[in-house]
Amino acid sequence: MDRLKAQASKNRDAAKVLRHRGKDDAAQRLEARADELESGRVTDCTDAVSSLISWAFRR
């Protein structure tokens, strides 16, 4: 969950930069993605995928 919160924070920071550059549409997309990440609707499967790949390469 920490990865998702960190990514949401990065998305919000990037949205601020894009707004300063006049790219409101892109900023809105990043903010919407940050909202999704913070809402809990997105599942972090990084650890599960990483362990599956490690298992596959050991075989």
Protein backbone atom coordinates (compact mmCIF):
# COMPACT_ATOMS: atom_id res chain seq x y z
CA MET A 1 0.00 0.00 0.00
CA ASP A 2 2.93 2.32 0.61
CA ARG A 3 3.95 2.01 -3.02
CA LEU A 4 0.49 3.07 -4.13
CA LYS A 5 0.49 6.10 -1.82
CA ALA A 6 3.97 7.05 -2.98
CA GLN A 7 2.92 6.78 -6.63
CA ALA A 8 -0.21 8.84 -5.95
CA SER A 9 1.95 11.53 -4.39
CA LYS A 10 4.28 11.52 -7.40
CA ASN A 11 1.29 11.78 -9.74
CA ARG A 12 -0.02 14.80 -7.84
CA ASP A 13 3.40 16.48 -7.97
CA ALA A 14 3.64 15.82 -11.70
CA ALA A 15 0.12 17.22 -12.16
CA LYS A 16 1.21 20.47 -10.49
CA VAL A 17 4.14 20.76 -12.89
CA LEU A 18 1.90 20.09 -15.88
CA ARG A 19 -0.60 22.72 -14.72
CA HIS A 20 2.20 25.29 -14.56
CA ARG A 21 3.09 24.37 -18.14
CA GLY A 22 -0.52 24.85 -19.25
CA LYS A 23 -1.30 21.17 -19.83
CA ASP A 24 -4.52 20.90 -17.87
CA ASP A 25 -5.82 17.76 -19.60
CA ALA A 26 -2.73 15.75 -18.74
CA ALA A 27 -2.79 17.10 -15.19
CA GLN A 28 -6.40 16.00 -14.79
CA ARG A 29 -5.52 12.48 -15.98
CA LEU A 30 -2.69 12.25 -13.44
CA GLU A 31 -4.92 13.50 -10.64
CA ALA A 32 -7.63 11.02 -11.58
CA ARG A 33 -5.07 8.22 -11.47
CA ALA A 34 -3.85 9.44 -8.07
CA ASP A 35 -7.44 9.34 -6.82
CA GLU A 36 -7.78 5.74 -8.04
CA LEU A 37 -4.57 4.74 -6.31
CA GLU A 38 -5.65 6.30 -3.03
CA SER A 39 -9.20 4.95 -3.17
CA GLY A 40 -8.20 1.33 -2.64
CA ARG A 41 -9.76 0.16 -5.91
CA VAL A 42 -6.29 -0.61 -7.25
CA THR A 43 -4.49 -3.65 -5.89
CA ASP A 44 -0.72 -3.75 -5.56
CA CYS A 45 0.33 -7.11 -6.98
CA THR A 46 4.02 -6.30 -7.27
CA ASP A 47 5.14 -8.74 -4.57
CA ALA A 48 2.98 -11.57 -5.88
CA VAL A 49 4.20 -11.10 -9.45
CA SER A 50 7.81 -10.83 -8.32
CA SER A 51 7.61 -14.08 -6.35
CA LEU A 52 5.91 -15.84 -9.27
CA ILE A 53 8.68 -14.74 -11.66
CA SER A 54 11.36 -15.82 -9.19
CA TRP A 55 9.70 -19.21 -8.83
CA ALA A 56 9.50 -19.62 -12.62
CA PHE A 57 13.19 -18.84 -13.14
CA ARG A 58 14.24 -21.33 -10.45
CA ARG A 59 12.57 -24.18 -12.35
